[in-house]
Structure formats: structure tokens, C-alpha cells
Amino acid sequence: MINFKPWKNIKINECNEPLIPIPKSIFRLTPHPYMSLGAPYLTGADPWVLRRSVLKRLLFAQQHLFEINPQLQLALFDAWRPISVQKFMFNYTIQDICKSKGIDINDTSVAGGINDVIDEVGRFWAYPSSNPLTPPPHSTGAAIDLTLADMSNKPLDLGCEIDFIGPESCPDFYKIDSAEMPHSKYQVFQSRRTLLFSVMKQAGFVQHPNEWWHFSYGDQLWSWLNKKGNAIYGAALEVSKDITFSEPSLVT
């Protein structure tokens, strides 16, 4: 598990692509998980948007998955995330873990324990920075959280829930157990994670090293993993309601 994020030093050359609504042909898990918790989206804000080129690749990944296994589909958990929502969820997760560990977040005598929780959360949740040089990935419109589902819209079990804080979230957590127990649930989990990674990689996405569900294109992590000179997306603003998008048949 990576405890530091060297990609945060990558330069951003913003390409100014707009955020585009994700068509309903891509299944999304509803109700939206963070809206359900009361995350502060602006009135009328649509979390189901992505940068234009990211959306093209997502649609390509969906088509590629269908060609491999027509009984499966992608299932979106989250896409674009305003920094205000990133801050809300970052703090919510810290409070939730402190509560589960019996740590009083207001007790200064246990500051060490709270700092440990903050460090643990920071391995998964990007710090809600408003610095234009270090935007949270989801605030750029370049990152998506997703899983696999069957055609009846039932999500598959990939070994742990999306947003789970722990080692099981690492993409290859079940790799050793899968090899040692080829007919076990661990082999099922790993094969599903491998399939998800394969279709997303084929579409040009990179995977977060700590999260099997998190993929991105065009952000700092993508640039760092692909040894590009720079990222092409910084923090993105609200989507324009008059922008439409026609689904492409091919990523170019």
C-alpha cells in the first residue's frame, strides 16, 4: 500500500475540456452514496458528470466489457466531486473511524490516535485541497469509482466495499490467496478485480494503487504512472446544463 503520493508534484496544463453528463446507458448505483449522507452539493448539481475525453473512454470500457462478457456491465459509484464534497467526506470518514475505534475526536489528550486515523484516511481519500497545483482527483472530473454488476443491476462482490479503509482495498490483496486456493472465493474476487482493471486499462485508464475501484484518465496520477510530462485536468467547475454528448463508437 502506498503511503505517499508522488504524483501530487506533477505539473497540470489544463486543457479546458467541459464536464459532460454521463448517459444513462452507463448504470449508476443509486441513491448517490454521498448525497445520501448529506454531502454539500450545490442545489441542482449533478455528480454524474466527467470530462469529455474521460467519458469517451468510459463508454469504450463499457463496450469492451460487453464484448468480453455480455452478462456484465460497469456500475458507477461516484464521478465528479466538488471540493466541498471532498472535504465533507474526508472529515466524515475520519469521524466515522474515530467512532469505531472509540476515539473522542474532541479529546486533545488522544491527539496521537487521531493523527494516526487522519494518516490512514489520507491513504485513500485525497486531502480536500483548494490549491490549484494539487486538486483532489475527483474534483478534476478525471476520476471515477466503479465496480461490476450483472445485467439485473446487482453489483458483484469484489472482496470489500468501495471506500473501505483497509488493506483489502488494494487491487492485488487477494492475489496470493487466489493462486494458493484456485477454487475459493478469493480467486473469484481477484478474477473480478483483474477483469475490471483489464477493461479500464484497455480504455486508457490507470488504477489507484490503494483502491481497486478508483480509475482515472488525464489527472496527476495518470500522468505519473504513464510517465507523461504533465496532467491535462485541474479542478473542474460546474457542468453547463446546455452541453450535450453523443456516444462515440470508438476512442481515438
C-alpha atoms as a PDB file:
ATOM      1  CA  MET A   1       0.000   0.000   0.000  1.00  0.00           C
ATOM      2  CA  ILE A   2       1.410   3.401  -0.991  1.00  0.00           C
ATOM      3  CA  ASN A   3       1.510   5.842   1.928  1.00  0.00           C
ATOM      4  CA  PHE A   4       2.737   8.834  -0.050  1.00  0.00           C
ATOM      5  CA  LYS A   5       1.587  10.405  -3.300  1.00  0.00           C
ATOM      6  CA  PRO A   6       4.489  11.435  -5.527  1.00  0.00           C
ATOM      7  CA  TRP A   7       2.091  12.246  -8.356  1.00  0.00           C
ATOM      8  CA  LYS A   8       0.953  15.374  -6.488  1.00  0.00           C
ATOM      9  CA  ASN A   9       4.100  17.105  -7.793  1.00  0.00           C
ATOM     10  CA  ILE A  10       3.089  16.595 -11.431  1.00  0.00           C
ATOM     11  CA  LYS A  11       2.505  19.803 -13.390  1.00  0.00           C
ATOM     12  CA  ILE A  12      -1.015  20.482 -14.695  1.00  0.00           C
ATOM     13  CA  ASN A  13      -1.580  22.000 -18.128  1.00  0.00           C
ATOM     14  CA  GLU A  14      -5.340  22.486 -18.066  1.00  0.00           C
ATOM     15  CA  CYS A  15      -6.933  21.627 -21.432  1.00  0.00           C
ATOM     16  CA  ASN A  16     -10.302  23.227 -20.546  1.00  0.00           C
ATOM     17  CA  GLU A  17     -12.478  20.328 -21.626  1.00  0.00           C
ATOM     18  CA  PRO A  18     -16.003  20.706 -20.225  1.00  0.00           C
ATOM     19  CA  LEU A  19     -17.739  18.389 -17.805  1.00  0.00           C
ATOM     20  CA  ILE A  20     -20.309  16.289 -19.684  1.00  0.00           C
ATOM     21  CA  PRO A  21     -23.316  14.404 -18.248  1.00  0.00           C
ATOM     22  CA  ILE A  22     -22.821  10.641 -18.127  1.00  0.00           C
ATOM     23  CA  PRO A  23     -25.544   8.974 -20.238  1.00  0.00           C
ATOM     24  CA  LYS A  24     -27.971   6.570 -18.607  1.00  0.00           C
ATOM     25  CA  SER A  25     -26.524   3.757 -20.718  1.00  0.00           C
ATOM     26  CA  ILE A  26     -23.865   3.523 -18.019  1.00  0.00           C
ATOM     27  CA  PHE A  27     -25.516   2.035 -14.934  1.00  0.00           C
ATOM     28  CA  ARG A  28     -25.022   4.031 -11.736  1.00  0.00           C
ATOM     29  CA  LEU A  29     -25.601   2.881  -8.166  1.00  0.00           C
ATOM     30  CA  THR A  30     -28.397   4.914  -6.623  1.00  0.00           C
ATOM     31  CA  PRO A  31     -29.169   6.727  -4.465  1.00  0.00           C
ATOM     32  CA  HIS A  32     -25.869   8.565  -4.774  1.00  0.00           C
ATOM     33  CA  PRO A  33     -23.845   7.486  -1.701  1.00  0.00           C
ATOM     34  CA  TYR A  34     -22.551  10.898  -0.672  1.00  0.00           C
ATOM     35  CA  MET A  35     -25.748  12.798  -1.385  1.00  0.00           C
ATOM     36  CA  SER A  36     -27.461  10.295   0.906  1.00  0.00           C
ATOM     37  CA  LEU A  37     -25.078  11.301   3.706  1.00  0.00           C
ATOM     38  CA  GLY A  38     -25.867  14.979   3.245  1.00  0.00           C
ATOM     39  CA  ALA A  39     -22.721  15.990   1.371  1.00  0.00           C
ATOM     40  CA  PRO A  40     -22.931  19.674   0.353  1.00  0.00           C
ATOM     41  CA  TYR A  41     -23.578  19.561  -3.376  1.00  0.00           C
ATOM     42  CA  LEU A  42     -24.905  22.831  -4.749  1.00  0.00           C
ATOM     43  CA  THR A  43     -28.630  22.870  -5.420  1.00  0.00           C
ATOM     44  CA  GLY A  44     -29.247  21.139  -8.711  1.00  0.00           C
ATOM     45  CA  ALA A  45     -25.638  19.932  -9.009  1.00  0.00           C
ATOM     46  CA  ASP A  46     -25.187  16.712 -10.964  1.00  0.00           C
ATOM     47  CA  PRO A  47     -22.498  14.370  -9.616  1.00  0.00           C
ATOM     48  CA  TRP A  48     -22.814  12.141 -12.687  1.00  0.00           C
ATOM     49  CA  VAL A  49     -20.508  14.159 -14.958  1.00  0.00           C
ATOM     50  CA  LEU A  50     -16.981  13.677 -16.322  1.00  0.00           C
ATOM     51  CA  ARG A  51     -14.562  15.432 -18.652  1.00  0.00           C
ATOM     52  CA  ARG A  52     -15.371  14.780 -22.305  1.00  0.00           C
ATOM     53  CA  SER A  53     -12.368  12.527 -23.066  1.00  0.00           C
ATOM     54  CA  VAL A  54     -12.810  10.619 -19.788  1.00  0.00           C
ATOM     55  CA  LEU A  55     -16.417   9.899 -20.682  1.00  0.00           C
ATOM     56  CA  LYS A  56     -15.412   8.684 -24.149  1.00  0.00           C
ATOM     57  CA  ARG A  57     -13.082   6.177 -22.553  1.00  0.00           C
ATOM     58  CA  LEU A  58     -15.642   5.079 -20.003  1.00  0.00           C
ATOM     59  CA  LEU A  59     -18.094   4.285 -22.804  1.00  0.00           C
ATOM     60  CA  PHE A  60     -15.367   2.406 -24.641  1.00  0.00           C
ATOM     61  CA  ALA A  61     -14.646   0.388 -21.468  1.00  0.00           C
ATOM     62  CA  GLN A  62     -18.345  -0.487 -21.167  1.00  0.00           C
ATOM     63  CA  GLN A  63     -18.420  -1.712 -24.763  1.00  0.00           C
ATOM     64  CA  HIS A  64     -15.203  -3.681 -24.292  1.00  0.00           C
ATOM     65  CA  LEU A  65     -16.623  -5.379 -21.187  1.00  0.00           C
ATOM     66  CA  PHE A  66     -19.782  -6.317 -23.100  1.00  0.00           C
ATOM     67  CA  GLU A  67     -17.685  -7.923 -25.831  1.00  0.00           C
ATOM     68  CA  ILE A  68     -15.798  -9.971 -23.226  1.00  0.00           C
ATOM     69  CA  ASN A  69     -18.831 -10.884 -21.127  1.00  0.00           C
ATOM     70  CA  PRO A  70     -22.299  -9.713 -22.245  1.00  0.00           C
ATOM     71  CA  GLN A  71     -23.693 -10.752 -18.847  1.00  0.00           C
ATOM     72  CA  LEU A  72     -21.808  -7.976 -17.055  1.00  0.00           C
ATOM     73  CA  GLN A  73     -21.817  -4.192 -17.014  1.00  0.00           C
ATOM     74  CA  LEU A  74     -19.948  -1.384 -15.303  1.00  0.00           C
ATOM     75  CA  ALA A  75     -21.634   0.096 -12.226  1.00  0.00           C
ATOM     76  CA  LEU A  76     -20.719   3.667 -11.301  1.00  0.00           C
ATOM     77  CA  PHE A  77     -20.385   4.584  -7.640  1.00  0.00           C
ATOM     78  CA  ASP A  78     -19.094   8.155  -7.992  1.00  0.00           C
ATOM     79  CA  ALA A  79     -17.641  10.508 -10.601  1.00  0.00           C
ATOM     80  CA  TRP A  80     -17.037  14.273 -10.387  1.00  0.00           C
ATOM     81  CA  ARG A  81     -16.850  15.531  -6.835  1.00  0.00           C
ATOM     82  CA  PRO A  82     -16.768  19.219  -5.807  1.00  0.00           C
ATOM     83  CA  ILE A  83     -14.020  20.108  -3.327  1.00  0.00           C
ATOM     84  CA  SER A  84     -16.724  20.960  -0.785  1.00  0.00           C
ATOM     85  CA  VAL A  85     -17.939  17.360  -1.002  1.00  0.00           C
ATOM     86  CA  GLN A  86     -14.373  16.056  -0.824  1.00  0.00           C
ATOM     87  CA  LYS A  87     -13.904  17.992   2.425  1.00  0.00           C
ATOM     88  CA  PHE A  88     -17.188  16.707   3.824  1.00  0.00           C
ATOM     89  CA  MET A  89     -16.353  13.070   3.055  1.00  0.00           C
ATOM     90  CA  PHE A  90     -12.747  13.386   4.249  1.00  0.00           C
ATOM     91  CA  ASN A  91     -13.965  14.665   7.624  1.00  0.00           C
ATOM     92  CA  TYR A  92     -16.900  12.250   7.729  1.00  0.00           C
ATOM     93  CA  THR A  93     -14.565   9.289   7.254  1.00  0.00           C
ATOM     94  CA  ILE A  94     -12.204  10.498   9.982  1.00  0.00           C
ATOM     95  CA  GLN A  95     -15.110  10.907  12.395  1.00  0.00           C
ATOM     96  CA  ASP A  96     -16.541   7.511  11.467  1.00  0.00           C
ATOM     97  CA  ILE A  97     -13.253   5.681  12.047  1.00  0.00           C
ATOM     98  CA  CYS A  98     -12.634   7.535  15.316  1.00  0.00           C
ATOM     99  CA  LYS A  99     -16.087   6.472  16.477  1.00  0.00           C
ATOM    100  CA  SER A 100     -15.436   2.835  15.539  1.00  0.00           C
ATOM    101  CA  LYS A 101     -12.153   2.908  17.462  1.00  0.00           C
ATOM    102  CA  GLY A 102     -13.643   4.635  20.494  1.00  0.00           C
ATOM    103  CA  ILE A 103     -11.554   7.782  19.956  1.00  0.00           C
ATOM    104  CA  ASP A 104     -13.060  11.079  21.110  1.00  0.00           C
ATOM    105  CA  ILE A 105     -12.162  13.451  18.290  1.00  0.00           C
ATOM    106  CA  ASN A 106     -12.513  16.415  20.656  1.00  0.00           C
ATOM    107  CA  ASP A 107     -10.180  14.967  23.303  1.00  0.00           C
ATOM    108  CA  THR A 108      -6.783  16.629  22.821  1.00  0.00           C
ATOM    109  CA  SER A 109      -5.145  14.036  25.088  1.00  0.00           C
ATOM    110  CA  VAL A 110      -5.501  11.415  22.321  1.00  0.00           C
ATOM    111  CA  ALA A 111      -4.124  13.590  19.531  1.00  0.00           C
ATOM    112  CA  GLY A 112      -1.709  10.835  18.501  1.00  0.00           C
ATOM    113  CA  GLY A 113      -4.551   8.407  17.874  1.00  0.00           C
ATOM    114  CA  ILE A 114      -6.476  10.971  15.864  1.00  0.00           C
ATOM    115  CA  ASN A 115      -3.404  11.780  13.767  1.00  0.00           C
ATOM    116  CA  ASP A 116      -2.984   8.072  13.030  1.00  0.00           C
ATOM    117  CA  VAL A 117      -6.588   7.958  11.791  1.00  0.00           C
ATOM    118  CA  ILE A 118      -6.021  11.034   9.611  1.00  0.00           C
ATOM    119  CA  ASP A 119      -2.939   9.378   8.091  1.00  0.00           C
ATOM    120  CA  GLU A 120      -4.898   6.181   7.478  1.00  0.00           C
ATOM    121  CA  VAL A 121      -7.750   8.061   5.804  1.00  0.00           C
ATOM    122  CA  GLY A 122      -5.251  10.056   3.732  1.00  0.00           C
ATOM    123  CA  ARG A 123      -4.023   6.869   2.054  1.00  0.00           C
ATOM    124  CA  PHE A 124      -7.449   6.539   0.454  1.00  0.00           C
ATOM    125  CA  TRP A 125      -9.141   9.925   0.494  1.00  0.00           C
ATOM    126  CA  ALA A 126      -7.326  12.803  -1.182  1.00  0.00           C
ATOM    127  CA  TYR A 127      -6.865  15.854   1.018  1.00  0.00           C
ATOM    128  CA  PRO A 128      -9.550  18.432   0.069  1.00  0.00           C
ATOM    129  CA  SER A 129      -7.038  20.963  -1.172  1.00  0.00           C
ATOM    130  CA  SER A 130      -8.150  24.149  -2.909  1.00  0.00           C
ATOM    131  CA  ASN A 131      -4.587  24.650  -4.169  1.00  0.00           C
ATOM    132  CA  PRO A 132      -4.799  24.570  -7.994  1.00  0.00           C
ATOM    133  CA  LEU A 133      -1.499  22.660  -8.075  1.00  0.00           C
ATOM    134  CA  THR A 134      -2.863  19.748  -6.004  1.00  0.00           C
ATOM    135  CA  PRO A 135      -6.560  19.186  -6.768  1.00  0.00           C
ATOM    136  CA  PRO A 136      -8.302  16.077  -5.420  1.00  0.00           C
ATOM    137  CA  PRO A 137      -8.610  13.642  -8.360  1.00  0.00           C
ATOM    138  CA  HIS A 138     -12.402  13.508  -8.325  1.00  0.00           C
ATOM    139  CA  SER A 139     -12.672  17.293  -8.350  1.00  0.00           C
ATOM    140  CA  THR A 140     -10.945  17.321 -11.750  1.00  0.00           C
ATOM    141  CA  GLY A 141     -13.661  15.297 -13.466  1.00  0.00           C
ATOM    142  CA  ALA A 142     -10.966  12.780 -14.421  1.00  0.00           C
ATOM    143  CA  ALA A 143     -11.587  10.092 -11.793  1.00  0.00           C
ATOM    144  CA  ILE A 144     -14.338   7.537 -11.338  1.00  0.00           C
ATOM    145  CA  ASP A 145     -15.187   4.945  -8.708  1.00  0.00           C
ATOM    146  CA  LEU A 146     -16.923   1.902 -10.110  1.00  0.00           C
ATOM    147  CA  THR A 147     -17.446  -1.824  -9.866  1.00  0.00           C
ATOM    148  CA  LEU A 148     -19.029  -4.651 -11.863  1.00  0.00           C
ATOM    149  CA  ALA A 149     -22.701  -5.616 -11.904  1.00  0.00           C
ATOM    150  CA  ASP A 150     -24.814  -8.222 -13.630  1.00  0.00           C
ATOM    151  CA  MET A 151     -27.489  -7.251 -16.156  1.00  0.00           C
ATOM    152  CA  SER A 152     -30.153  -7.213 -13.438  1.00  0.00           C
ATOM    153  CA  ASN A 153     -28.202  -4.316 -11.887  1.00  0.00           C
ATOM    154  CA  LYS A 154     -26.928  -6.381  -8.962  1.00  0.00           C
ATOM    155  CA  PRO A 155     -23.331  -5.408  -8.023  1.00  0.00           C
ATOM    156  CA  LEU A 156     -20.832  -8.247  -7.833  1.00  0.00           C
ATOM    157  CA  ASP A 157     -18.772  -8.961  -4.721  1.00  0.00           C
ATOM    158  CA  LEU A 158     -15.157  -7.928  -5.317  1.00  0.00           C
ATOM    159  CA  GLY A 159     -13.913  -8.685  -1.821  1.00  0.00           C
ATOM    160  CA  CYS A 160     -14.718  -5.459   0.008  1.00  0.00           C
ATOM    161  CA  GLU A 161     -16.975  -2.465  -0.317  1.00  0.00           C
ATOM    162  CA  ILE A 162     -15.998   0.638  -2.259  1.00  0.00           C
ATOM    163  CA  ASP A 163     -14.445   3.212   0.125  1.00  0.00           C
ATOM    164  CA  PHE A 164     -13.428   0.505   2.601  1.00  0.00           C
ATOM    165  CA  ILE A 165     -10.453   1.690   4.657  1.00  0.00           C
ATOM    166  CA  GLY A 166      -8.071  -1.245   4.977  1.00  0.00           C
ATOM    167  CA  PRO A 167      -5.606  -3.487   3.137  1.00  0.00           C
ATOM    168  CA  GLU A 168      -8.407  -5.427   1.420  1.00  0.00           C
ATOM    169  CA  SER A 169      -8.925  -2.366  -0.780  1.00  0.00           C
ATOM    170  CA  CYS A 170      -5.574  -2.846  -2.529  1.00  0.00           C
ATOM    171  CA  PRO A 171      -6.137  -4.192  -6.065  1.00  0.00           C
ATOM    172  CA  ASP A 172      -3.975  -7.310  -5.578  1.00  0.00           C
ATOM    173  CA  PHE A 173      -4.897  -8.070  -1.963  1.00  0.00           C
ATOM    174  CA  TYR A 174      -6.317 -11.491  -2.894  1.00  0.00           C
ATOM    175  CA  LYS A 175      -3.658 -12.394  -5.452  1.00  0.00           C
ATOM    176  CA  ILE A 176      -1.655 -14.790  -3.258  1.00  0.00           C
ATOM    177  CA  ASP A 177      -4.710 -16.494  -1.746  1.00  0.00           C
ATOM    178  CA  SER A 178      -6.193 -16.760  -5.229  1.00  0.00           C
ATOM    179  CA  ALA A 179      -3.145 -18.625  -6.501  1.00  0.00           C
ATOM    180  CA  GLU A 180      -2.995 -20.919  -3.474  1.00  0.00           C
ATOM    181  CA  MET A 181      -6.756 -21.621  -3.426  1.00  0.00           C
ATOM    182  CA  PRO A 182      -7.867 -21.558  -7.088  1.00  0.00           C
ATOM    183  CA  HIS A 183     -11.475 -22.615  -6.402  1.00  0.00           C
ATOM    184  CA  SER A 184     -12.091 -20.295  -3.471  1.00  0.00           C
ATOM    185  CA  LYS A 185     -13.943 -17.016  -3.066  1.00  0.00           C
ATOM    186  CA  TYR A 186     -10.544 -15.309  -3.109  1.00  0.00           C
ATOM    187  CA  GLN A 187      -9.981 -16.494  -6.657  1.00  0.00           C
ATOM    188  CA  VAL A 188     -13.406 -15.079  -7.599  1.00  0.00           C
ATOM    189  CA  PHE A 189     -12.597 -11.720  -6.008  1.00  0.00           C
ATOM    190  CA  GLN A 190      -9.219 -11.468  -7.710  1.00  0.00           C
ATOM    191  CA  SER A 191     -10.512 -12.546 -11.120  1.00  0.00           C
ATOM    192  CA  ARG A 192     -13.261  -9.920 -10.961  1.00  0.00           C
ATOM    193  CA  ARG A 193     -10.787  -7.235  -9.944  1.00  0.00           C
ATOM    194  CA  THR A 194      -8.487  -8.309 -12.753  1.00  0.00           C
ATOM    195  CA  LEU A 195     -11.341  -8.127 -15.270  1.00  0.00           C
ATOM    196  CA  LEU A 196     -12.301  -4.632 -14.129  1.00  0.00           C
ATOM    197  CA  PHE A 197      -8.690  -3.484 -14.331  1.00  0.00           C
ATOM    198  CA  SER A 198      -8.265  -5.026 -17.777  1.00  0.00           C
ATOM    199  CA  VAL A 199     -11.250  -3.318 -19.399  1.00  0.00           C
ATOM    200  CA  MET A 200     -10.408   0.036 -17.824  1.00  0.00           C
ATOM    201  CA  LYS A 201      -6.744  -0.196 -18.817  1.00  0.00           C
ATOM    202  CA  GLN A 202      -7.743  -1.064 -22.384  1.00  0.00           C
ATOM    203  CA  ALA A 203      -9.706   2.203 -22.452  1.00  0.00           C
ATOM    204  CA  GLY A 204      -6.700   4.220 -21.281  1.00  0.00           C
ATOM    205  CA  PHE A 205      -7.386   4.494 -17.554  1.00  0.00           C
ATOM    206  CA  VAL A 206      -4.939   3.991 -14.701  1.00  0.00           C
ATOM    207  CA  GLN A 207      -5.836   2.442 -11.354  1.00  0.00           C
ATOM    208  CA  HIS A 208      -5.155   3.942  -7.940  1.00  0.00           C
ATOM    209  CA  PRO A 209      -2.537   1.740  -6.212  1.00  0.00           C
ATOM    210  CA  ASN A 210      -4.582   1.579  -2.985  1.00  0.00           C
ATOM    211  CA  GLU A 211      -8.115   1.241  -4.389  1.00  0.00           C
ATOM    212  CA  TRP A 212      -9.408  -1.489  -6.713  1.00  0.00           C
ATOM    213  CA  TRP A 213     -12.424   0.699  -7.636  1.00  0.00           C
ATOM    214  CA  HIS A 214     -10.684   4.004  -8.498  1.00  0.00           C
ATOM    215  CA  PHE A 215      -9.629   4.758 -12.086  1.00  0.00           C
ATOM    216  CA  SER A 216      -8.642   7.970 -13.828  1.00  0.00           C
ATOM    217  CA  TYR A 217      -7.509   9.467 -17.097  1.00  0.00           C
ATOM    218  CA  GLY A 218      -5.725  12.788 -17.560  1.00  0.00           C
ATOM    219  CA  ASP A 219      -5.073  13.659 -13.911  1.00  0.00           C
ATOM    220  CA  GLN A 220      -1.791  13.754 -11.991  1.00  0.00           C
ATOM    221  CA  LEU A 221      -1.842  10.041 -11.107  1.00  0.00           C
ATOM    222  CA  TRP A 222      -2.417   9.146 -14.768  1.00  0.00           C
ATOM    223  CA  SER A 223       0.484  11.370 -15.820  1.00  0.00           C
ATOM    224  CA  TRP A 224       2.799   9.930 -13.158  1.00  0.00           C
ATOM    225  CA  LEU A 225       2.038   6.277 -13.928  1.00  0.00           C
ATOM    226  CA  ASN A 226       2.343   6.819 -17.692  1.00  0.00           C
ATOM    227  CA  LYS A 227       5.448   8.993 -17.379  1.00  0.00           C
ATOM    228  CA  LYS A 228       3.754  11.880 -19.160  1.00  0.00           C
ATOM    229  CA  GLY A 229       5.169  15.376 -18.912  1.00  0.00           C
ATOM    230  CA  ASN A 230       2.049  16.783 -17.285  1.00  0.00           C
ATOM    231  CA  ALA A 231      -1.573  16.225 -16.350  1.00  0.00           C
ATOM    232  CA  ILE A 232      -4.261  17.771 -18.544  1.00  0.00           C
ATOM    233  CA  TYR A 233      -7.010  18.293 -15.948  1.00  0.00           C
ATOM    234  CA  GLY A 234      -7.118  20.541 -12.891  1.00  0.00           C
ATOM    235  CA  ALA A 235     -10.124  21.218 -10.651  1.00  0.00           C
ATOM    236  CA  ALA A 236     -13.312  21.430 -12.750  1.00  0.00           C
ATOM    237  CA  LEU A 237     -16.247  23.766 -12.305  1.00  0.00           C
ATOM    238  CA  GLU A 238     -19.959  23.061 -12.564  1.00  0.00           C
ATOM    239  CA  VAL A 239     -21.231  21.469 -15.765  1.00  0.00           C
ATOM    240  CA  SER A 240     -23.111  23.652 -18.211  1.00  0.00           C
ATOM    241  CA  LYS A 241     -26.720  22.478 -18.486  1.00  0.00           C
ATOM    242  CA  ASP A 242     -26.851  23.132 -22.242  1.00  0.00           C
ATOM    243  CA  ILE A 243     -23.983  20.793 -23.131  1.00  0.00           C
ATOM    244  CA  THR A 244     -24.989  17.509 -24.731  1.00  0.00           C
ATOM    245  CA  PHE A 245     -22.912  14.491 -25.629  1.00  0.00           C
ATOM    246  CA  SER A 246     -23.356  11.829 -28.284  1.00  0.00           C
ATOM    247  CA  GLU A 247     -21.930   8.434 -27.519  1.00  0.00           C
ATOM    248  CA  PRO A 248     -18.882   7.547 -29.624  1.00  0.00           C
ATOM    249  CA  SER A 249     -18.337   4.092 -31.055  1.00  0.00           C
ATOM    250  CA  LEU A 250     -14.585   4.293 -30.757  1.00  0.00           C
ATOM    251  CA  VAL A 251     -11.923   6.061 -28.709  1.00  0.00           C
ATOM    252  CA  THR A 252      -9.483   7.927 -30.921  1.00  0.00           C
END
